[in-house]
N, C-alpha and C. Protein backbone atom coordinates (compact mmCIF):
# COMPACT_ATOMS: atom_id res chain seq x y z
N MET A 1 92.01 86.83 63.50
CA MET A 1 90.64 87.30 63.61
C MET A 1 90.58 88.39 64.69
N ALA A 2 90.06 89.55 64.33
CA ALA A 2 90.00 90.68 65.26
C ALA A 2 88.85 90.50 66.23
N ARG A 3 89.15 90.83 67.50
CA ARG A 3 88.10 90.77 68.51
C ARG A 3 87.34 92.07 68.55
N THR A 4 86.07 92.00 68.61
CA THR A 4 85.28 93.23 68.76
C THR A 4 84.87 93.33 70.22
N GLU A 5 85.06 94.50 70.77
CA GLU A 5 84.71 94.71 72.17
C GLU A 5 83.42 95.49 72.23
N THR A 6 82.54 95.03 73.05
CA THR A 6 81.28 95.74 73.22
C THR A 6 81.21 96.27 74.64
N VAL A 7 80.60 97.42 74.75
CA VAL A 7 80.39 98.00 76.07
C VAL A 7 79.15 97.34 76.66
N SER A 8 79.33 96.71 77.80
CA SER A 8 78.18 96.03 78.38
C SER A 8 77.30 97.06 79.10
N ARG A 9 76.04 96.97 78.83
CA ARG A 9 75.08 97.85 79.48
C ARG A 9 74.50 97.11 80.67
N PRO A 10 74.13 97.87 81.72
CA PRO A 10 73.51 97.20 82.86
C PRO A 10 72.22 96.52 82.42
N SER A 11 71.96 95.35 82.97
CA SER A 11 70.75 94.62 82.61
C SER A 11 69.52 95.39 83.11
N GLU A 12 68.40 95.06 82.50
CA GLU A 12 67.14 95.69 82.92
C GLU A 12 66.84 95.38 84.38
N ALA A 13 67.15 94.15 84.80
CA ALA A 13 66.91 93.76 86.19
C ALA A 13 67.76 94.59 87.14
N ARG A 14 69.03 94.80 86.80
CA ARG A 14 69.91 95.61 87.65
C ARG A 14 69.39 97.04 87.75
N LEU A 15 68.97 97.60 86.62
CA LEU A 15 68.43 98.96 86.63
C LEU A 15 67.17 99.05 87.47
N ARG A 16 66.31 98.03 87.39
CA ARG A 16 65.09 98.02 88.21
C ARG A 16 65.44 97.93 89.69
N LEU A 17 66.41 97.10 90.03
CA LEU A 17 66.84 96.99 91.42
C LEU A 17 67.37 98.32 91.93
N LEU A 18 68.20 98.97 91.13
CA LEU A 18 68.78 100.25 91.55
C LEU A 18 67.73 101.34 91.67
N SER A 19 66.83 101.43 90.70
CA SER A 19 65.82 102.50 90.77
C SER A 19 64.86 102.25 91.93
N THR A 20 64.52 101.00 92.18
CA THR A 20 63.65 100.66 93.31
C THR A 20 64.35 100.99 94.62
N ALA A 21 65.60 100.56 94.74
CA ALA A 21 66.36 100.83 95.97
C ALA A 21 66.51 102.32 96.20
N ALA A 22 66.83 103.06 95.15
CA ALA A 22 67.03 104.51 95.29
C ALA A 22 65.76 105.17 95.80
N ARG A 23 64.63 104.80 95.24
CA ARG A 23 63.35 105.39 95.64
C ARG A 23 63.04 105.07 97.11
N ILE A 24 63.17 103.80 97.47
CA ILE A 24 62.78 103.39 98.82
C ILE A 24 63.81 103.83 99.86
N PHE A 25 65.09 103.64 99.57
CA PHE A 25 66.13 104.05 100.53
C PHE A 25 66.02 105.54 100.83
N TYR A 26 65.82 106.34 99.78
CA TYR A 26 65.76 107.78 99.98
C TYR A 26 64.52 108.18 100.78
N ALA A 27 63.40 107.55 100.48
CA ALA A 27 62.14 107.93 101.13
C ALA A 27 62.03 107.41 102.56
N GLU A 28 62.59 106.22 102.83
CA GLU A 28 62.32 105.57 104.11
C GLU A 28 63.55 105.28 104.96
N GLY A 29 64.73 105.43 104.39
CA GLY A 29 65.95 105.08 105.11
C GLY A 29 66.47 103.74 104.64
N ILE A 30 67.73 103.49 104.90
CA ILE A 30 68.38 102.29 104.38
C ILE A 30 68.15 101.08 105.29
N HIS A 31 68.42 101.24 106.58
CA HIS A 31 68.29 100.11 107.49
C HIS A 31 66.83 99.66 107.64
N ALA A 32 65.90 100.57 107.39
CA ALA A 32 64.48 100.25 107.55
C ALA A 32 63.95 99.35 106.43
N VAL A 33 64.72 99.19 105.37
CA VAL A 33 64.25 98.47 104.18
C VAL A 33 65.08 97.20 103.99
N GLY A 34 64.39 96.08 103.90
CA GLY A 34 65.08 94.81 103.70
C GLY A 34 65.21 94.43 102.24
N VAL A 35 66.10 93.50 101.99
CA VAL A 35 66.34 93.01 100.63
C VAL A 35 65.06 92.41 100.04
N ASP A 36 64.28 91.70 100.87
CA ASP A 36 63.07 91.07 100.35
C ASP A 36 62.11 92.09 99.74
N ARG A 37 62.00 93.23 100.37
CA ARG A 37 61.10 94.26 99.82
C ARG A 37 61.62 94.80 98.50
N ILE A 38 62.92 95.02 98.42
CA ILE A 38 63.52 95.50 97.16
C ILE A 38 63.26 94.47 96.05
N ILE A 39 63.49 93.20 96.36
CA ILE A 39 63.28 92.14 95.37
C ILE A 39 61.83 92.11 94.90
N THR A 40 60.91 92.21 95.84
CA THR A 40 59.48 92.18 95.50
C THR A 40 59.09 93.36 94.63
N GLU A 41 59.48 94.55 95.06
CA GLU A 41 59.06 95.75 94.31
C GLU A 41 59.77 95.90 92.97
N ALA A 42 60.99 95.36 92.88
CA ALA A 42 61.71 95.41 91.59
C ALA A 42 61.26 94.29 90.66
N GLN A 43 60.48 93.36 91.20
CA GLN A 43 59.95 92.22 90.43
C GLN A 43 61.08 91.39 89.81
N VAL A 44 62.02 91.00 90.69
CA VAL A 44 63.10 90.10 90.28
C VAL A 44 63.14 88.94 91.28
N THR A 45 63.87 87.93 90.92
CA THR A 45 64.03 86.80 91.84
C THR A 45 65.19 87.08 92.79
N ARG A 46 65.22 86.32 93.88
CA ARG A 46 66.32 86.44 94.84
C ARG A 46 67.66 86.12 94.15
N ALA A 47 67.64 85.10 93.28
CA ALA A 47 68.87 84.73 92.56
C ALA A 47 69.34 85.88 91.67
N THR A 48 68.41 86.58 91.04
CA THR A 48 68.77 87.73 90.19
C THR A 48 69.40 88.84 91.03
N PHE A 49 68.80 89.09 92.20
CA PHE A 49 69.37 90.11 93.08
C PHE A 49 70.82 89.78 93.40
N TYR A 50 71.06 88.56 93.86
CA TYR A 50 72.41 88.20 94.29
C TYR A 50 73.38 88.03 93.13
N ARG A 51 72.87 87.85 91.94
CA ARG A 51 73.75 87.82 90.76
C ARG A 51 74.32 89.23 90.50
N HIS A 52 73.52 90.25 90.82
CA HIS A 52 73.96 91.63 90.60
C HIS A 52 74.62 92.26 91.81
N PHE A 53 74.18 91.88 93.00
CA PHE A 53 74.69 92.48 94.23
C PHE A 53 74.95 91.38 95.25
N PRO A 54 76.21 91.15 95.63
CA PRO A 54 76.51 90.09 96.60
C PRO A 54 75.78 90.27 97.93
N GLY A 55 75.43 91.49 98.28
CA GLY A 55 74.72 91.75 99.52
C GLY A 55 74.09 93.12 99.50
N LYS A 56 73.34 93.43 100.53
CA LYS A 56 72.64 94.71 100.61
C LYS A 56 73.61 95.89 100.59
N ASP A 57 74.75 95.76 101.28
CA ASP A 57 75.71 96.87 101.30
C ASP A 57 76.19 97.22 99.90
N ASP A 58 76.34 96.21 99.05
CA ASP A 58 76.76 96.48 97.66
C ASP A 58 75.69 97.27 96.92
N LEU A 59 74.43 96.95 97.20
CA LEU A 59 73.33 97.71 96.59
C LEU A 59 73.32 99.14 97.10
N VAL A 60 73.56 99.33 98.39
CA VAL A 60 73.59 100.68 98.97
C VAL A 60 74.71 101.50 98.33
N VAL A 61 75.88 100.90 98.18
CA VAL A 61 77.01 101.60 97.55
C VAL A 61 76.64 101.98 96.11
N ALA A 62 76.03 101.05 95.38
CA ALA A 62 75.64 101.34 93.99
C ALA A 62 74.60 102.46 93.93
N TYR A 63 73.66 102.46 94.88
CA TYR A 63 72.67 103.53 94.97
C TYR A 63 73.34 104.88 95.17
N LEU A 64 74.30 104.95 96.08
CA LEU A 64 75.00 106.21 96.33
C LEU A 64 75.89 106.61 95.16
N GLN A 65 76.48 105.63 94.50
CA GLN A 65 77.29 105.95 93.32
C GLN A 65 76.41 106.52 92.21
N GLY A 66 75.19 106.02 92.10
CA GLY A 66 74.26 106.58 91.12
C GLY A 66 73.89 108.02 91.46
N ALA A 67 73.66 108.29 92.75
CA ALA A 67 73.36 109.65 93.19
C ALA A 67 74.55 110.56 92.93
N ASP A 68 75.74 110.04 93.18
CA ASP A 68 76.97 110.80 92.93
C ASP A 68 77.09 111.16 91.45
N GLN A 69 76.85 110.20 90.58
CA GLN A 69 76.95 110.45 89.14
C GLN A 69 75.92 111.49 88.69
N ALA A 70 74.73 111.45 89.25
CA ALA A 70 73.70 112.44 88.89
C ALA A 70 74.14 113.84 89.28
N ILE A 71 74.71 113.99 90.47
CA ILE A 71 75.17 115.30 90.93
C ILE A 71 76.36 115.77 90.10
N ARG A 72 77.27 114.86 89.82
CA ARG A 72 78.42 115.22 88.96
C ARG A 72 77.93 115.71 87.60
N GLY A 73 76.91 115.04 87.07
CA GLY A 73 76.36 115.46 85.78
C GLY A 73 75.78 116.86 85.83
N GLN A 74 75.09 117.19 86.92
CA GLN A 74 74.54 118.54 87.08
C GLN A 74 75.66 119.58 87.15
N VAL A 75 76.69 119.27 87.93
CA VAL A 75 77.80 120.22 88.09
C VAL A 75 78.57 120.35 86.77
N GLU A 76 78.78 119.24 86.07
CA GLU A 76 79.49 119.31 84.78
C GLU A 76 78.71 120.14 83.78
N ALA A 77 77.38 120.05 83.80
CA ALA A 77 76.56 120.88 82.90
C ALA A 77 76.74 122.36 83.21
N VAL A 78 76.82 122.68 84.50
CA VAL A 78 77.07 124.08 84.89
C VAL A 78 78.43 124.52 84.40
N LEU A 79 79.45 123.69 84.60
CA LEU A 79 80.81 124.06 84.22
C LEU A 79 80.95 124.19 82.70
N ALA A 80 80.17 123.41 81.96
CA ALA A 80 80.24 123.45 80.50
C ALA A 80 79.52 124.66 79.92
N ALA A 81 78.75 125.36 80.74
CA ALA A 81 77.95 126.49 80.25
C ALA A 81 78.78 127.74 79.99
N GLY A 82 80.05 127.74 80.39
CA GLY A 82 80.92 128.87 80.11
C GLY A 82 80.65 130.10 80.96
N LEU A 83 80.11 129.90 82.15
CA LEU A 83 79.83 131.02 83.05
C LEU A 83 81.11 131.51 83.72
N SER A 84 81.07 132.71 84.24
CA SER A 84 82.18 133.18 85.06
C SER A 84 82.24 132.30 86.30
N PRO A 85 83.41 132.23 86.97
CA PRO A 85 83.48 131.38 88.17
C PRO A 85 82.43 131.73 89.23
N GLY A 86 82.20 133.02 89.46
CA GLY A 86 81.19 133.41 90.45
C GLY A 86 79.80 132.97 90.05
N ASP A 87 79.46 133.14 88.76
CA ASP A 87 78.15 132.71 88.29
C ASP A 87 78.04 131.19 88.28
N ALA A 88 79.16 130.50 88.07
CA ALA A 88 79.14 129.03 88.13
C ALA A 88 78.82 128.56 89.55
N VAL A 89 79.42 129.20 90.55
CA VAL A 89 79.11 128.86 91.95
C VAL A 89 77.63 129.11 92.22
N ARG A 90 77.13 130.25 91.76
CA ARG A 90 75.70 130.56 91.95
C ARG A 90 74.81 129.54 91.22
N ALA A 91 75.24 129.09 90.03
CA ALA A 91 74.44 128.12 89.27
C ALA A 91 74.44 126.75 89.96
N VAL A 92 75.56 126.36 90.55
CA VAL A 92 75.59 125.11 91.33
C VAL A 92 74.60 125.23 92.49
N ALA A 93 74.63 126.38 93.17
CA ALA A 93 73.71 126.60 94.28
C ALA A 93 72.26 126.56 93.80
N ALA A 94 71.99 127.13 92.63
CA ALA A 94 70.63 127.13 92.09
C ALA A 94 70.16 125.71 91.80
N SER A 95 71.06 124.85 91.32
CA SER A 95 70.66 123.46 91.04
C SER A 95 70.37 122.72 92.35
N ILE A 96 71.12 123.05 93.41
CA ILE A 96 70.85 122.47 94.73
C ILE A 96 69.48 122.93 95.22
N ALA A 97 69.21 124.22 95.07
CA ALA A 97 67.92 124.77 95.50
C ALA A 97 66.76 124.13 94.74
N GLU A 98 66.97 123.88 93.46
CA GLU A 98 65.93 123.22 92.66
C GLU A 98 65.61 121.84 93.24
N GLY A 99 66.65 121.12 93.64
CA GLY A 99 66.44 119.81 94.26
C GLY A 99 65.68 119.91 95.57
N ILE A 100 66.03 120.91 96.37
CA ILE A 100 65.37 121.09 97.67
C ILE A 100 63.88 121.39 97.48
N ARG A 101 63.55 122.12 96.43
CA ARG A 101 62.14 122.48 96.17
C ARG A 101 61.37 121.37 95.46
N SER A 102 62.03 120.28 95.10
CA SER A 102 61.35 119.22 94.33
C SER A 102 60.44 118.38 95.23
N PRO A 103 59.37 117.82 94.66
CA PRO A 103 58.46 116.98 95.44
C PRO A 103 59.20 115.77 96.02
N GLY A 104 58.88 115.41 97.25
CA GLY A 104 59.49 114.24 97.86
C GLY A 104 60.88 114.48 98.43
N PHE A 105 61.33 115.73 98.44
CA PHE A 105 62.67 116.01 98.96
C PHE A 105 62.75 115.60 100.43
N ARG A 106 63.82 114.86 100.77
CA ARG A 106 63.99 114.36 102.12
C ARG A 106 65.42 114.53 102.60
N GLY A 107 66.04 115.61 102.21
CA GLY A 107 67.40 115.87 102.66
C GLY A 107 68.45 115.30 101.71
N CYS A 108 69.68 115.35 102.15
CA CYS A 108 70.82 114.88 101.36
C CYS A 108 70.93 113.37 101.48
N ALA A 109 70.92 112.67 100.36
CA ALA A 109 71.03 111.21 100.38
C ALA A 109 72.31 110.76 101.06
N PHE A 110 73.38 111.53 100.91
CA PHE A 110 74.68 111.15 101.47
C PHE A 110 74.72 111.36 102.98
N LEU A 111 74.21 112.49 103.43
CA LEU A 111 74.16 112.73 104.88
C LEU A 111 73.19 111.75 105.55
N ASN A 112 72.10 111.44 104.88
CA ASN A 112 71.17 110.45 105.42
C ASN A 112 71.85 109.10 105.56
N ALA A 113 72.60 108.71 104.53
CA ALA A 113 73.27 107.40 104.54
C ALA A 113 74.36 107.33 105.60
N VAL A 114 75.17 108.39 105.71
CA VAL A 114 76.28 108.33 106.66
C VAL A 114 75.78 108.32 108.09
N ALA A 115 74.60 108.86 108.33
CA ALA A 115 74.02 108.79 109.67
C ALA A 115 73.69 107.35 110.05
N GLU A 116 73.42 106.52 109.05
CA GLU A 116 73.11 105.11 109.30
C GLU A 116 74.36 104.22 109.28
N TYR A 117 75.45 104.74 108.75
CA TYR A 117 76.69 103.97 108.64
C TYR A 117 77.84 104.80 109.23
N PRO A 118 77.93 104.90 110.57
CA PRO A 118 78.93 105.77 111.18
C PRO A 118 80.37 105.22 111.16
N ASP A 119 80.55 103.93 110.90
CA ASP A 119 81.89 103.35 110.90
C ASP A 119 82.69 103.88 109.70
N PRO A 120 83.78 104.64 109.93
CA PRO A 120 84.53 105.22 108.81
C PRO A 120 85.16 104.20 107.88
N GLU A 121 85.26 102.95 108.31
CA GLU A 121 85.84 101.91 107.46
C GLU A 121 84.80 101.20 106.60
N HIS A 122 83.54 101.45 106.86
CA HIS A 122 82.48 100.76 106.11
C HIS A 122 82.44 101.29 104.67
N PRO A 123 82.22 100.42 103.68
CA PRO A 123 82.18 100.88 102.28
C PRO A 123 81.14 101.98 102.01
N VAL A 124 80.01 101.94 102.70
CA VAL A 124 79.00 102.99 102.50
C VAL A 124 79.54 104.32 103.01
N HIS A 125 80.15 104.32 104.18
CA HIS A 125 80.73 105.54 104.75
C HIS A 125 81.82 106.08 103.82
N ARG A 126 82.66 105.20 103.30
CA ARG A 126 83.73 105.64 102.40
C ARG A 126 83.18 106.20 101.09
N THR A 127 82.07 105.64 100.62
CA THR A 127 81.44 106.15 99.40
C THR A 127 80.91 107.57 99.63
N VAL A 128 80.33 107.80 100.79
CA VAL A 128 79.84 109.14 101.14
C VAL A 128 81.01 110.12 101.19
N LEU A 129 82.09 109.73 101.86
CA LEU A 129 83.25 110.62 101.97
C LEU A 129 83.85 110.93 100.61
N ALA A 130 83.92 109.94 99.73
CA ALA A 130 84.47 110.16 98.38
C ALA A 130 83.64 111.20 97.64
N HIS A 131 82.33 111.10 97.74
CA HIS A 131 81.46 112.09 97.09
C HIS A 131 81.68 113.48 97.66
N ARG A 132 81.71 113.56 98.98
CA ARG A 132 81.86 114.87 99.62
C ARG A 132 83.23 115.49 99.34
N GLU A 133 84.26 114.67 99.28
CA GLU A 133 85.60 115.20 98.94
C GLU A 133 85.60 115.75 97.52
N TRP A 134 84.97 115.01 96.59
CA TRP A 134 84.89 115.50 95.21
C TRP A 134 84.13 116.84 95.18
N PHE A 135 83.00 116.91 95.87
CA PHE A 135 82.20 118.13 95.84
C PHE A 135 82.97 119.31 96.42
N LEU A 136 83.60 119.11 97.56
CA LEU A 136 84.39 120.19 98.17
C LEU A 136 85.53 120.62 97.25
N ASP A 137 86.22 119.65 96.65
CA ASP A 137 87.31 119.98 95.72
C ASP A 137 86.80 120.79 94.52
N THR A 138 85.63 120.42 94.02
CA THR A 138 85.04 121.13 92.88
C THR A 138 84.72 122.57 93.24
N ILE A 139 84.09 122.78 94.39
CA ILE A 139 83.76 124.14 94.82
C ILE A 139 85.04 124.91 95.13
N ASN A 140 86.02 124.25 95.71
CA ASN A 140 87.30 124.89 96.00
C ASN A 140 87.95 125.39 94.70
N THR A 141 87.90 124.57 93.66
CA THR A 141 88.46 124.98 92.36
C THR A 141 87.75 126.21 91.82
N LEU A 142 86.42 126.24 91.94
CA LEU A 142 85.67 127.41 91.47
C LEU A 142 86.00 128.64 92.29
N MET A 143 86.09 128.48 93.60
CA MET A 143 86.43 129.62 94.47
C MET A 143 87.84 130.13 94.16
N ALA A 144 88.75 129.23 93.86
CA ALA A 144 90.12 129.64 93.52
C ALA A 144 90.16 130.41 92.21
N ARG A 145 89.24 130.11 91.31
CA ARG A 145 89.18 130.86 90.04
C ARG A 145 88.65 132.27 90.27
N ILE A 146 87.83 132.43 91.30
CA ILE A 146 87.35 133.77 91.65
C ILE A 146 88.49 134.54 92.31
N GLN A 147 89.12 133.89 93.30
CA GLN A 147 90.20 134.51 94.07
C GLN A 147 90.95 133.39 94.78
N GLN A 148 92.25 133.30 94.53
CA GLN A 148 93.04 132.20 95.09
C GLN A 148 93.11 132.23 96.62
N ASP A 149 93.30 133.43 97.17
CA ASP A 149 93.42 133.54 98.62
C ASP A 149 92.13 133.11 99.30
N SER A 150 92.27 132.29 100.31
CA SER A 150 91.15 131.82 101.13
C SER A 150 90.09 131.06 100.34
N ALA A 151 90.49 130.45 99.25
CA ALA A 151 89.52 129.68 98.45
C ALA A 151 88.99 128.49 99.24
N GLU A 152 89.88 127.82 99.97
CA GLU A 152 89.45 126.62 100.70
C GLU A 152 88.44 126.94 101.80
N PRO A 153 88.69 127.97 102.64
CA PRO A 153 87.65 128.31 103.63
C PRO A 153 86.33 128.74 102.98
N ALA A 154 86.41 129.43 101.85
CA ALA A 154 85.18 129.84 101.15
C ALA A 154 84.42 128.61 100.65
N ALA A 155 85.16 127.61 100.13
CA ALA A 155 84.51 126.38 99.66
C ALA A 155 83.88 125.63 100.83
N GLN A 156 84.58 125.58 101.95
CA GLN A 156 84.03 124.92 103.14
C GLN A 156 82.76 125.64 103.62
N HIS A 157 82.78 126.96 103.53
CA HIS A 157 81.60 127.77 103.91
C HIS A 157 80.42 127.42 103.00
N PHE A 158 80.69 127.32 101.70
CA PHE A 158 79.64 126.95 100.74
C PHE A 158 79.03 125.60 101.11
N VAL A 159 79.90 124.60 101.38
CA VAL A 159 79.41 123.26 101.69
C VAL A 159 78.57 123.28 102.97
N MET A 160 78.99 124.08 103.95
CA MET A 160 78.20 124.17 105.18
C MET A 160 76.85 124.85 104.93
N LEU A 161 76.83 125.87 104.07
CA LEU A 161 75.55 126.48 103.70
C LEU A 161 74.65 125.45 103.02
N ARG A 162 75.25 124.68 102.12
CA ARG A 162 74.50 123.65 101.40
C ARG A 162 73.96 122.60 102.36
N ASP A 163 74.80 122.13 103.28
CA ASP A 163 74.35 121.11 104.24
C ASP A 163 73.20 121.64 105.09
N GLY A 164 73.31 122.87 105.53
CA GLY A 164 72.24 123.47 106.32
C GLY A 164 70.95 123.58 105.54
N ALA A 165 71.05 123.99 104.28
CA ALA A 165 69.86 124.12 103.44
C ALA A 165 69.23 122.76 103.17
N MET A 166 70.06 121.74 102.97
CA MET A 166 69.55 120.39 102.72
C MET A 166 68.82 119.86 103.96
N ALA A 167 69.37 120.11 105.15
CA ALA A 167 68.74 119.65 106.38
C ALA A 167 67.44 120.41 106.65
N ALA A 168 67.48 121.74 106.51
CA ALA A 168 66.31 122.56 106.80
C ALA A 168 65.24 122.44 105.73
N GLY A 169 65.65 122.16 104.51
CA GLY A 169 64.71 122.12 103.39
C GLY A 169 63.65 121.05 103.49
N CYS A 170 63.92 120.00 104.28
CA CYS A 170 62.90 118.96 104.45
C CYS A 170 62.13 119.13 105.75
N LEU A 171 62.48 120.15 106.53
CA LEU A 171 61.80 120.41 107.80
C LEU A 171 60.89 121.63 107.75
N PHE A 172 61.31 122.62 106.96
CA PHE A 172 60.61 123.89 106.92
C PHE A 172 60.22 124.23 105.48
N ASP A 173 59.67 125.40 105.28
CA ASP A 173 59.24 125.82 103.94
C ASP A 173 60.45 125.84 103.00
N PRO A 174 60.48 124.94 102.02
CA PRO A 174 61.66 124.87 101.15
C PRO A 174 61.89 126.14 100.33
N VAL A 175 60.83 126.87 100.02
CA VAL A 175 61.01 128.11 99.25
C VAL A 175 61.79 129.12 100.08
N LEU A 176 61.42 129.30 101.33
CA LEU A 176 62.13 130.24 102.20
C LEU A 176 63.56 129.77 102.47
N ILE A 177 63.73 128.46 102.67
CA ILE A 177 65.07 127.92 102.92
C ILE A 177 65.95 128.19 101.70
N CYS A 178 65.43 127.98 100.51
CA CYS A 178 66.22 128.19 99.29
C CYS A 178 66.56 129.66 99.09
N GLU A 179 65.62 130.53 99.40
CA GLU A 179 65.90 131.97 99.30
C GLU A 179 67.06 132.35 100.23
N THR A 180 67.02 131.83 101.45
CA THR A 180 68.09 132.11 102.42
C THR A 180 69.41 131.54 101.94
N PHE A 181 69.38 130.30 101.45
CA PHE A 181 70.59 129.63 100.96
C PHE A 181 71.20 130.41 99.79
N LEU A 182 70.38 130.76 98.81
CA LEU A 182 70.90 131.46 97.63
C LEU A 182 71.43 132.85 98.00
N ARG A 183 70.76 133.52 98.93
CA ARG A 183 71.24 134.82 99.40
C ARG A 183 72.59 134.66 100.09
N GLY A 184 72.73 133.60 100.90
CA GLY A 184 73.99 133.33 101.57
C GLY A 184 75.11 133.03 100.60
N VAL A 185 74.83 132.25 99.57
CA VAL A 185 75.85 131.93 98.56
C VAL A 185 76.25 133.19 97.80
N ASP A 186 75.26 134.01 97.45
CA ASP A 186 75.57 135.25 96.73
C ASP A 186 76.49 136.14 97.58
N GLY A 187 76.17 136.27 98.86
CA GLY A 187 77.02 137.07 99.75
C GLY A 187 78.41 136.47 99.89
N LEU A 188 78.49 135.15 99.96
CA LEU A 188 79.79 134.47 100.05
C LEU A 188 80.63 134.74 98.81
N VAL A 189 80.02 134.63 97.63
CA VAL A 189 80.76 134.89 96.38
C VAL A 189 81.23 136.34 96.33
N GLU A 190 80.36 137.28 96.69
CA GLU A 190 80.74 138.69 96.66
C GLU A 190 81.87 139.00 97.64
N THR A 191 81.77 138.44 98.84
CA THR A 191 82.81 138.66 99.85
C THR A 191 84.13 138.05 99.40
N HIS A 192 84.06 136.86 98.85
CA HIS A 192 85.28 136.18 98.40
C HIS A 192 85.91 136.94 97.22
N ALA A 193 85.09 137.41 96.28
CA ALA A 193 85.62 138.16 95.14
C ALA A 193 86.22 139.48 95.57
N ALA A 194 85.67 140.09 96.63
CA ALA A 194 86.16 141.39 97.09
C ALA A 194 87.58 141.31 97.66
N ARG A 195 88.03 140.12 97.99
CA ARG A 195 89.40 139.94 98.50
C ARG A 195 90.43 140.37 97.46
N GLN A 196 90.05 140.37 96.18
CA GLN A 196 90.97 140.77 95.12
C GLN A 196 91.40 142.24 95.27
N THR A 197 90.49 143.04 95.77
CA THR A 197 90.77 144.47 95.81
C THR A 197 91.31 144.92 97.17
N SER A 198 91.35 143.98 98.16
CA SER A 198 91.81 144.41 99.48
C SER A 198 93.31 144.22 99.64
């Protein structure tokens, strides 16, 4: 008798817990929010919470993994569009700017989380680092397609521009911050591409 394998989908309760946690953690901070509030707002029982997440840290990691997957999806959509490497870098920057201009923007979820979890051995800290390493590697690959020489410093420059825009975007006029960020990325791409002719 052949076994049929089914892909298990996350339960509705798990999805409610994650969406509730994502909304509250992002808006108010992680340490400021207790498990009881998540349980109440997600309308699940305590037993249901612990069936899905052994503890709050597991929920925080799952929240960040969800944010990571959303960003990966945005970047993959850009890469699938068949743009030139320079235009792909600009399109990634444009998607970041769109996020900064969105209602309720409160900075980078990963930088916010790592500020609350400074221990490099903590699972939350490691989840943040894994995301940032993937993002830097992705930008480095795009920069190398533009010009191999100095691709890594150019990618690091992009990430620093992005981090600055994410921090400033929730403090000052996000439209002006995004204009500055996009202008900086455009200049970075042009400077990096010009290395081919030097």
